[in-house]
């Protein structure tokens, strides 16, 4: 099972890289057309905004799955038991937050189904679809990694 999840999250990571590359290409095209040719493309800004939302919300589960998120530690426990307890509490709170985000994101997406993007002519729900999808994938990443305790790879870096 873990092997399938590794492949799934690696594929999701590749999609995130492709989304980032598309954003960079579209911004480059937009700058060239607007400032060098004087012919701004009306749709690139909307596509870049939508892809940025997809980038962040599809990248989050990949980052969580690979233990790469930025951590801010308020308490530094010397005991490994307290540290493990802190990791469990943080994971539970994160799963609860992602669950609420998935629920409310889904409702928001559902409400926007009838609204169209002005320049693209597609449903505005495509802008909000990554909210519940990314939240659910992040919950899966937290649950999978919750079954194992990750030791810090760098002695100076705490996880």
N, C-alpha and C. Protein backbone atom coordinates (compact mmCIF):
# COMPACT_ATOMS: atom_id res chain seq x y z
N UNK A 1 0.82 -1.20 0.00
CA UNK A 1 0.00 0.00 0.00
C UNK A 1 0.86 1.26 0.00
N UNK A 2 1.92 1.22 0.80
CA UNK A 2 2.80 2.39 0.89
C UNK A 2 3.44 2.71 -0.46
N UNK A 3 3.76 1.67 -1.21
CA UNK A 3 4.38 1.87 -2.52
C UNK A 3 3.44 2.61 -3.46
N UNK A 4 2.15 2.26 -3.42
CA UNK A 4 1.16 2.94 -4.26
C UNK A 4 1.01 4.41 -3.85
N UNK A 5 1.02 4.62 -2.55
CA UNK A 5 0.91 6.01 -2.07
C UNK A 5 2.16 6.81 -2.45
N UNK A 6 3.33 6.18 -2.38
CA UNK A 6 4.56 6.87 -2.80
C UNK A 6 4.45 7.30 -4.26
N UNK A 7 3.95 6.39 -5.11
CA UNK A 7 3.79 6.71 -6.53
C UNK A 7 2.73 7.79 -6.74
N UNK A 8 1.64 7.69 -6.00
CA UNK A 8 0.56 8.68 -6.15
C UNK A 8 1.04 10.07 -5.75
N UNK A 9 1.75 10.17 -4.63
CA UNK A 9 2.22 11.48 -4.20
C UNK A 9 3.38 11.97 -5.06
N UNK A 10 4.17 11.06 -5.62
CA UNK A 10 5.22 11.47 -6.57
C UNK A 10 4.58 12.03 -7.84
N UNK A 11 3.50 11.40 -8.29
CA UNK A 11 2.76 11.90 -9.46
C UNK A 11 2.16 13.27 -9.16
N UNK A 12 1.59 13.41 -7.98
CA UNK A 12 1.04 14.70 -7.58
C UNK A 12 2.14 15.76 -7.53
N UNK A 13 3.32 15.38 -7.05
CA UNK A 13 4.46 16.30 -7.04
C UNK A 13 4.87 16.71 -8.44
N UNK A 14 4.84 15.77 -9.37
CA UNK A 14 5.15 16.09 -10.77
C UNK A 14 4.11 17.05 -11.35
N UNK A 15 2.84 16.83 -10.97
CA UNK A 15 1.79 17.76 -11.42
C UNK A 15 2.03 19.16 -10.87
N UNK A 16 2.47 19.25 -9.64
CA UNK A 16 2.76 20.55 -9.04
C UNK A 16 3.89 21.25 -9.78
N UNK A 17 4.91 20.50 -10.13
CA UNK A 17 6.02 21.07 -10.91
C UNK A 17 5.52 21.56 -12.27
N UNK A 18 4.66 20.77 -12.91
CA UNK A 18 4.10 21.18 -14.22
C UNK A 18 3.24 22.43 -14.08
N UNK A 19 2.46 22.53 -13.01
CA UNK A 19 1.65 23.73 -12.77
C UNK A 19 2.55 24.94 -12.58
N UNK A 20 3.62 24.76 -11.80
CA UNK A 20 4.56 25.87 -11.58
C UNK A 20 5.20 26.31 -12.89
N UNK A 21 5.60 25.35 -13.71
CA UNK A 21 6.20 25.68 -15.00
C UNK A 21 5.21 26.41 -15.89
N UNK A 22 3.95 25.98 -15.88
CA UNK A 22 2.92 26.66 -16.67
C UNK A 22 2.72 28.10 -16.20
N UNK A 23 2.75 28.30 -14.90
CA UNK A 23 2.62 29.66 -14.35
C UNK A 23 3.76 30.53 -14.85
N UNK A 24 4.98 30.01 -14.78
CA UNK A 24 6.14 30.79 -15.21
C UNK A 24 6.06 31.13 -16.69
N UNK A 25 5.66 30.17 -17.52
CA UNK A 25 5.54 30.41 -18.96
C UNK A 25 4.46 31.46 -19.24
N UNK A 26 3.32 31.33 -18.58
CA UNK A 26 2.22 32.28 -18.81
C UNK A 26 2.59 33.70 -18.35
N UNK A 27 3.28 33.81 -17.24
CA UNK A 27 3.71 35.14 -16.78
C UNK A 27 4.72 35.72 -17.76
N UNK A 28 5.64 34.90 -18.24
CA UNK A 28 6.62 35.37 -19.22
C UNK A 28 5.92 35.86 -20.50
N UNK A 29 4.97 35.06 -20.99
CA UNK A 29 4.21 35.46 -22.19
C UNK A 29 3.44 36.75 -21.94
N UNK A 30 2.86 36.85 -20.76
CA UNK A 30 2.09 38.06 -20.43
C UNK A 30 2.99 39.30 -20.40
N UNK A 31 4.16 39.18 -19.82
CA UNK A 31 5.09 40.32 -19.75
C UNK A 31 5.57 40.70 -21.15
N UNK A 32 5.94 39.72 -21.95
CA UNK A 32 6.40 40.00 -23.32
C UNK A 32 5.29 40.68 -24.13
N UNK A 33 4.11 40.12 -24.07
CA UNK A 33 3.00 40.70 -24.85
C UNK A 33 2.61 42.09 -24.37
N UNK A 34 2.60 42.30 -23.08
CA UNK A 34 2.15 43.60 -22.56
C UNK A 34 3.19 44.70 -22.75
N UNK A 35 4.44 44.40 -22.40
CA UNK A 35 5.43 45.48 -22.37
C UNK A 35 6.28 45.58 -23.63
N UNK A 36 6.47 44.51 -24.36
CA UNK A 36 7.26 44.60 -25.58
C UNK A 36 6.39 44.75 -26.83
N UNK A 37 5.29 44.01 -26.88
CA UNK A 37 4.45 44.05 -28.07
C UNK A 37 3.25 45.00 -27.93
N UNK A 38 2.95 45.37 -26.68
CA UNK A 38 1.80 46.26 -26.45
C UNK A 38 0.46 45.59 -26.70
N UNK A 39 0.44 44.27 -26.67
CA UNK A 39 -0.79 43.50 -26.90
C UNK A 39 -1.06 42.58 -25.70
N UNK A 40 -1.59 43.12 -24.62
CA UNK A 40 -1.80 42.26 -23.45
C UNK A 40 -2.86 41.19 -23.71
N UNK A 41 -2.57 40.02 -23.23
CA UNK A 41 -3.54 38.92 -23.32
C UNK A 41 -4.48 39.03 -22.13
N UNK A 42 -5.76 39.02 -22.38
CA UNK A 42 -6.74 39.26 -21.33
C UNK A 42 -6.95 38.05 -20.42
N UNK A 43 -6.62 36.87 -20.87
CA UNK A 43 -6.95 35.65 -20.12
C UNK A 43 -5.82 35.13 -19.25
N UNK A 44 -4.57 35.57 -19.47
CA UNK A 44 -3.44 34.98 -18.75
C UNK A 44 -3.49 35.26 -17.26
N UNK A 45 -3.91 36.44 -16.87
CA UNK A 45 -3.95 36.77 -15.45
C UNK A 45 -4.92 35.86 -14.69
N UNK A 46 -6.06 35.59 -15.30
CA UNK A 46 -7.05 34.72 -14.67
C UNK A 46 -6.55 33.28 -14.58
N UNK A 47 -5.90 32.81 -15.62
CA UNK A 47 -5.37 31.44 -15.61
C UNK A 47 -4.26 31.32 -14.58
N UNK A 48 -3.38 32.31 -14.50
CA UNK A 48 -2.29 32.27 -13.53
C UNK A 48 -2.86 32.27 -12.11
N UNK A 49 -3.86 33.07 -11.84
CA UNK A 49 -4.47 33.11 -10.51
C UNK A 49 -5.07 31.75 -10.16
N UNK A 50 -5.75 31.15 -11.10
CA UNK A 50 -6.36 29.84 -10.86
C UNK A 50 -5.26 28.78 -10.65
N UNK A 51 -4.24 28.80 -11.47
CA UNK A 51 -3.16 27.82 -11.33
C UNK A 51 -2.39 28.01 -10.02
N UNK A 52 -2.30 29.23 -9.54
CA UNK A 52 -1.62 29.47 -8.27
C UNK A 52 -2.38 28.82 -7.11
N UNK A 53 -3.70 28.89 -7.15
CA UNK A 53 -4.50 28.22 -6.12
C UNK A 53 -4.29 26.70 -6.21
N UNK A 54 -4.31 26.17 -7.43
CA UNK A 54 -4.07 24.74 -7.61
C UNK A 54 -2.67 24.35 -7.14
N UNK A 55 -1.68 25.19 -7.43
CA UNK A 55 -0.30 24.91 -7.04
C UNK A 55 -0.18 24.77 -5.52
N UNK A 56 -0.72 25.73 -4.80
CA UNK A 56 -0.59 25.72 -3.34
C UNK A 56 -1.34 24.53 -2.73
N UNK A 57 -2.57 24.33 -3.17
CA UNK A 57 -3.40 23.31 -2.53
C UNK A 57 -3.09 21.89 -2.98
N UNK A 58 -2.45 21.71 -4.12
CA UNK A 58 -1.98 20.39 -4.52
C UNK A 58 -0.55 20.14 -4.01
N UNK A 59 0.18 21.21 -3.76
CA UNK A 59 1.53 21.06 -3.22
C UNK A 59 1.54 20.74 -1.73
N UNK A 60 0.52 21.19 -1.01
CA UNK A 60 0.48 20.96 0.43
C UNK A 60 0.50 19.48 0.80
N UNK A 61 -0.33 18.62 0.17
CA UNK A 61 -0.26 17.21 0.55
C UNK A 61 1.10 16.58 0.24
N UNK A 62 1.74 17.01 -0.82
CA UNK A 62 3.06 16.47 -1.17
C UNK A 62 4.07 16.85 -0.10
N UNK A 63 4.03 18.11 0.31
CA UNK A 63 4.95 18.60 1.34
C UNK A 63 4.71 17.87 2.66
N UNK A 64 3.45 17.69 3.03
CA UNK A 64 3.13 16.99 4.28
C UNK A 64 3.56 15.53 4.20
N UNK A 65 3.32 14.88 3.08
CA UNK A 65 3.67 13.48 2.91
C UNK A 65 5.18 13.26 3.03
N UNK A 66 5.95 14.23 2.56
CA UNK A 66 7.41 14.10 2.57
C UNK A 66 8.06 14.75 3.80
N UNK A 67 7.25 15.18 4.78
CA UNK A 67 7.77 15.81 6.00
C UNK A 67 8.59 17.06 5.69
N UNK A 68 8.19 17.84 4.71
CA UNK A 68 8.95 19.00 4.29
C UNK A 68 8.33 20.33 4.72
N UNK A 69 7.25 20.28 5.51
CA UNK A 69 6.61 21.52 5.89
C UNK A 69 7.49 22.32 6.85
N UNK A 70 7.27 23.62 6.85
CA UNK A 70 8.01 24.52 7.75
C UNK A 70 7.35 24.41 9.12
N UNK A 71 8.16 24.21 10.12
CA UNK A 71 7.63 24.06 11.47
C UNK A 71 8.08 25.22 12.35
N UNK A 72 7.16 25.69 13.15
CA UNK A 72 7.47 26.70 14.16
C UNK A 72 7.25 26.03 15.50
N UNK A 73 8.30 25.86 16.25
CA UNK A 73 8.20 25.17 17.54
C UNK A 73 8.18 26.18 18.66
N UNK A 74 7.13 26.14 19.43
CA UNK A 74 7.04 27.01 20.61
C UNK A 74 7.59 26.32 21.84
N UNK A 75 7.53 25.00 21.83
CA UNK A 75 8.00 24.21 22.97
C UNK A 75 9.01 23.20 22.47
N UNK A 76 10.13 23.11 23.18
CA UNK A 76 11.16 22.16 22.82
C UNK A 76 11.25 21.14 23.95
N UNK A 77 10.74 19.94 23.69
CA UNK A 77 10.72 18.91 24.71
C UNK A 77 11.97 18.05 24.61
N UNK A 78 12.59 17.81 25.74
CA UNK A 78 13.77 16.93 25.78
C UNK A 78 13.36 15.47 25.80
N UNK A 79 12.20 15.20 26.36
CA UNK A 79 11.70 13.83 26.45
C UNK A 79 11.12 13.39 25.09
N UNK A 80 11.50 12.20 24.66
CA UNK A 80 10.98 11.70 23.39
C UNK A 80 9.49 11.39 23.48
N UNK A 81 9.01 11.05 24.67
CA UNK A 81 7.58 10.77 24.85
C UNK A 81 6.76 12.05 24.69
N UNK A 82 7.24 13.14 25.28
CA UNK A 82 6.53 14.42 25.14
C UNK A 82 6.60 14.92 23.71
N UNK A 83 7.72 14.70 23.06
CA UNK A 83 7.87 15.11 21.66
C UNK A 83 6.92 14.32 20.77
N UNK A 84 6.79 13.02 21.00
CA UNK A 84 5.86 12.20 20.22
C UNK A 84 4.42 12.64 20.49
N UNK A 85 4.11 12.96 21.74
CA UNK A 85 2.77 13.44 22.08
C UNK A 85 2.47 14.76 21.37
N UNK A 86 3.46 15.64 21.33
CA UNK A 86 3.29 16.93 20.64
C UNK A 86 3.04 16.70 19.15
N UNK A 87 3.77 15.78 18.54
CA UNK A 87 3.57 15.48 17.12
C UNK A 87 2.18 14.94 16.86
N UNK A 88 1.68 14.10 17.76
CA UNK A 88 0.34 13.54 17.60
C UNK A 88 -0.71 14.65 17.71
N UNK A 89 -0.56 15.52 18.70
CA UNK A 89 -1.51 16.63 18.89
C UNK A 89 -1.51 17.55 17.68
N UNK A 90 -0.34 17.88 17.17
CA UNK A 90 -0.24 18.75 15.99
C UNK A 90 -0.89 18.09 14.78
N UNK A 91 -0.67 16.79 14.61
CA UNK A 91 -1.28 16.08 13.50
C UNK A 91 -2.80 16.04 13.62
N UNK A 92 -3.30 15.80 14.83
CA UNK A 92 -4.75 15.77 15.03
C UNK A 92 -5.36 17.13 14.73
N UNK A 93 -4.75 18.19 15.24
CA UNK A 93 -5.26 19.53 14.96
C UNK A 93 -5.21 19.86 13.47
N UNK A 94 -4.16 19.42 12.81
CA UNK A 94 -4.04 19.66 11.37
C UNK A 94 -5.10 18.90 10.59
N UNK A 95 -5.38 17.67 10.98
CA UNK A 95 -6.41 16.88 10.30
C UNK A 95 -7.78 17.51 10.53
N UNK A 96 -8.05 17.98 11.75
CA UNK A 96 -9.33 18.64 12.02
C UNK A 96 -9.46 19.90 11.18
N UNK A 97 -8.40 20.70 11.11
CA UNK A 97 -8.43 21.91 10.29
C UNK A 97 -8.67 21.57 8.82
N UNK A 98 -7.96 20.58 8.31
CA UNK A 98 -8.13 20.19 6.90
C UNK A 98 -9.52 19.63 6.65
N UNK A 99 -10.08 18.93 7.62
CA UNK A 99 -11.44 18.44 7.49
C UNK A 99 -12.44 19.58 7.38
N UNK A 100 -12.28 20.59 8.22
CA UNK A 100 -13.17 21.75 8.15
C UNK A 100 -12.97 22.49 6.83
N UNK A 101 -11.73 22.61 6.40
CA UNK A 101 -11.43 23.28 5.14
C UNK A 101 -12.05 22.53 3.96
N UNK A 102 -11.98 21.20 4.01
CA UNK A 102 -12.57 20.39 2.94
C UNK A 102 -14.09 20.58 2.91
N UNK A 103 -14.71 20.56 4.06
CA UNK A 103 -16.17 20.71 4.14
C UNK A 103 -16.62 22.07 3.62
N UNK A 104 -16.04 23.14 4.16
CA UNK A 104 -16.44 24.48 3.75
C UNK A 104 -15.99 24.79 2.33
N UNK A 105 -14.85 24.26 1.93
CA UNK A 105 -14.39 24.44 0.55
C UNK A 105 -15.32 23.78 -0.45
N UNK A 106 -15.82 22.60 -0.08
CA UNK A 106 -16.76 21.92 -0.95
C UNK A 106 -18.06 22.73 -1.09
N UNK A 107 -18.56 23.23 0.03
CA UNK A 107 -19.78 24.04 -0.03
C UNK A 107 -19.57 25.30 -0.87
N UNK A 108 -18.40 25.91 -0.73
CA UNK A 108 -18.09 27.12 -1.50
C UNK A 108 -17.98 26.78 -2.99
N UNK A 109 -17.35 25.66 -3.30
CA UNK A 109 -17.23 25.23 -4.69
C UNK A 109 -18.61 24.94 -5.28
N UNK A 110 -19.45 24.28 -4.50
CA UNK A 110 -20.79 23.93 -4.96
C UNK A 110 -21.61 25.19 -5.26
N UNK A 111 -21.47 26.22 -4.42
CA UNK A 111 -22.20 27.47 -4.65
C UNK A 111 -21.73 28.19 -5.90
N UNK A 112 -20.48 27.99 -6.29
CA UNK A 112 -19.93 28.72 -7.43
C UNK A 112 -20.09 27.97 -8.75
N UNK A 113 -20.77 26.83 -8.74
CA UNK A 113 -20.92 26.05 -9.97
C UNK A 113 -21.60 26.84 -11.09
N UNK A 114 -22.57 27.66 -10.76
CA UNK A 114 -23.30 28.40 -11.78
C UNK A 114 -22.63 29.69 -12.24
N UNK A 115 -21.57 30.09 -11.56
CA UNK A 115 -20.88 31.34 -11.90
C UNK A 115 -19.75 31.04 -12.88
N UNK A 116 -19.62 31.90 -13.89
CA UNK A 116 -18.59 31.69 -14.91
C UNK A 116 -17.41 32.65 -14.71
N UNK A 117 -16.23 32.18 -15.08
CA UNK A 117 -15.05 33.05 -15.11
C UNK A 117 -15.24 34.05 -16.25
N UNK A 118 -15.03 35.34 -16.02
CA UNK A 118 -15.33 36.34 -17.04
C UNK A 118 -14.58 36.15 -18.36
N UNK A 119 -13.28 35.93 -18.29
CA UNK A 119 -12.53 35.88 -19.55
C UNK A 119 -12.35 34.46 -20.09
N UNK A 120 -12.47 33.46 -19.24
CA UNK A 120 -12.25 32.09 -19.69
C UNK A 120 -13.52 31.39 -20.12
N UNK A 121 -14.64 31.79 -19.55
CA UNK A 121 -15.90 31.16 -19.89
C UNK A 121 -16.09 29.78 -19.30
N UNK A 122 -15.35 29.48 -18.23
CA UNK A 122 -15.51 28.20 -17.54
C UNK A 122 -16.10 28.47 -16.17
N UNK A 123 -16.59 27.42 -15.54
CA UNK A 123 -17.19 27.56 -14.23
C UNK A 123 -16.17 28.04 -13.21
N UNK A 124 -16.60 28.94 -12.35
CA UNK A 124 -15.74 29.45 -11.29
C UNK A 124 -15.42 28.36 -10.27
N UNK A 125 -16.15 27.27 -10.31
CA UNK A 125 -15.89 26.16 -9.39
C UNK A 125 -14.49 25.59 -9.60
N UNK A 126 -13.93 25.72 -10.81
CA UNK A 126 -12.56 25.25 -11.06
C UNK A 126 -11.54 26.01 -10.22
N UNK A 127 -11.86 27.24 -9.85
CA UNK A 127 -10.97 28.01 -8.98
C UNK A 127 -11.01 27.48 -7.56
N UNK A 128 -12.17 26.97 -7.14
CA UNK A 128 -12.35 26.53 -5.75
C UNK A 128 -12.24 25.02 -5.57
N UNK A 129 -12.20 24.26 -6.63
CA UNK A 129 -12.12 22.80 -6.55
C UNK A 129 -10.89 22.29 -5.80
N UNK A 130 -9.74 22.95 -5.91
CA UNK A 130 -8.58 22.40 -5.19
C UNK A 130 -8.68 22.53 -3.67
N UNK A 131 -9.60 23.35 -3.18
CA UNK A 131 -9.70 23.51 -1.72
C UNK A 131 -10.13 22.19 -1.06
N UNK A 132 -11.28 21.61 -1.43
CA UNK A 132 -11.62 20.33 -0.80
C UNK A 132 -10.71 19.19 -1.23
N UNK A 133 -10.29 19.19 -2.49
CA UNK A 133 -9.43 18.12 -2.99
C UNK A 133 -8.08 18.12 -2.27
N UNK A 134 -7.45 19.27 -2.20
CA UNK A 134 -6.16 19.37 -1.52
C UNK A 134 -6.27 19.08 -0.04
N UNK A 135 -7.37 19.48 0.58
CA UNK A 135 -7.57 19.22 2.01
C UNK A 135 -7.70 17.72 2.27
N UNK A 136 -8.46 17.04 1.44
CA UNK A 136 -8.63 15.59 1.62
C UNK A 136 -7.31 14.86 1.40
N UNK A 137 -6.56 15.28 0.38
CA UNK A 137 -5.26 14.65 0.13
C UNK A 137 -4.28 14.93 1.27
N UNK A 138 -4.38 16.11 1.86
CA UNK A 138 -3.51 16.44 3.00
C UNK A 138 -3.88 15.59 4.21
N UNK A 139 -5.17 15.36 4.42
CA UNK A 139 -5.59 14.47 5.51
C UNK A 139 -5.02 13.07 5.29
N UNK A 140 -5.10 12.58 4.05
CA UNK A 140 -4.53 11.26 3.75
C UNK A 140 -3.03 11.24 4.06
N UNK A 141 -2.33 12.31 3.67
CA UNK A 141 -0.89 12.38 3.93
C UNK A 141 -0.61 12.37 5.43
N UNK A 142 -1.40 13.11 6.21
CA UNK A 142 -1.21 13.11 7.66
C UNK A 142 -1.49 11.74 8.26
N UNK A 143 -2.54 11.08 7.79
CA UNK A 143 -2.88 9.77 8.34
C UNK A 143 -1.83 8.73 8.01
N UNK A 144 -1.30 8.78 6.80
CA UNK A 144 -0.27 7.82 6.41
C UNK A 144 1.01 8.05 7.19
N UNK A 145 1.39 9.29 7.31
CA UNK A 145 2.64 9.54 8.02
C UNK A 145 2.48 9.43 9.52
N UNK A 146 1.24 9.45 10.01
CA UNK A 146 1.00 9.29 11.44
C UNK A 146 1.31 7.89 11.93
N UNK A 147 1.37 6.94 11.00
CA UNK A 147 1.67 5.56 11.37
C UNK A 147 3.15 5.33 11.61
N UNK A 148 3.95 6.30 11.28
CA UNK A 148 5.38 6.16 11.50
C UNK A 148 5.91 7.43 12.14
N UNK A 149 6.89 7.30 12.99
CA UNK A 149 7.50 8.47 13.62
C UNK A 149 8.77 8.77 12.86
N UNK A 150 8.82 9.97 12.35
CA UNK A 150 9.95 10.39 11.53
C UNK A 150 11.01 10.98 12.44
N UNK A 151 12.20 10.44 12.36
CA UNK A 151 13.33 10.98 13.10
C UNK A 151 14.00 12.06 12.27
N UNK A 152 14.51 13.09 12.91
CA UNK A 152 15.18 14.15 12.16
C UNK A 152 16.40 13.61 11.41
N UNK A 153 16.53 14.01 10.14
CA UNK A 153 17.68 13.57 9.35
C UNK A 153 18.92 14.39 9.70
N UNK A 154 18.73 15.61 10.10
CA UNK A 154 19.82 16.50 10.47
C UNK A 154 19.73 16.71 11.97
N UNK A 155 20.83 16.50 12.71
CA UNK A 155 20.75 16.66 14.16
C UNK A 155 20.30 18.05 14.59
N UNK A 156 20.56 19.06 13.79
CA UNK A 156 20.15 20.41 14.14
C UNK A 156 18.71 20.70 13.76
N UNK A 157 18.11 19.85 12.95
CA UNK A 157 16.75 20.06 12.46
C UNK A 157 15.78 19.18 13.24
N UNK A 158 14.79 19.78 13.84
CA UNK A 158 13.81 19.03 14.62
C UNK A 158 12.55 18.86 13.80
N UNK A 159 11.96 17.69 13.91
CA UNK A 159 10.70 17.43 13.21
C UNK A 159 9.62 17.16 14.22
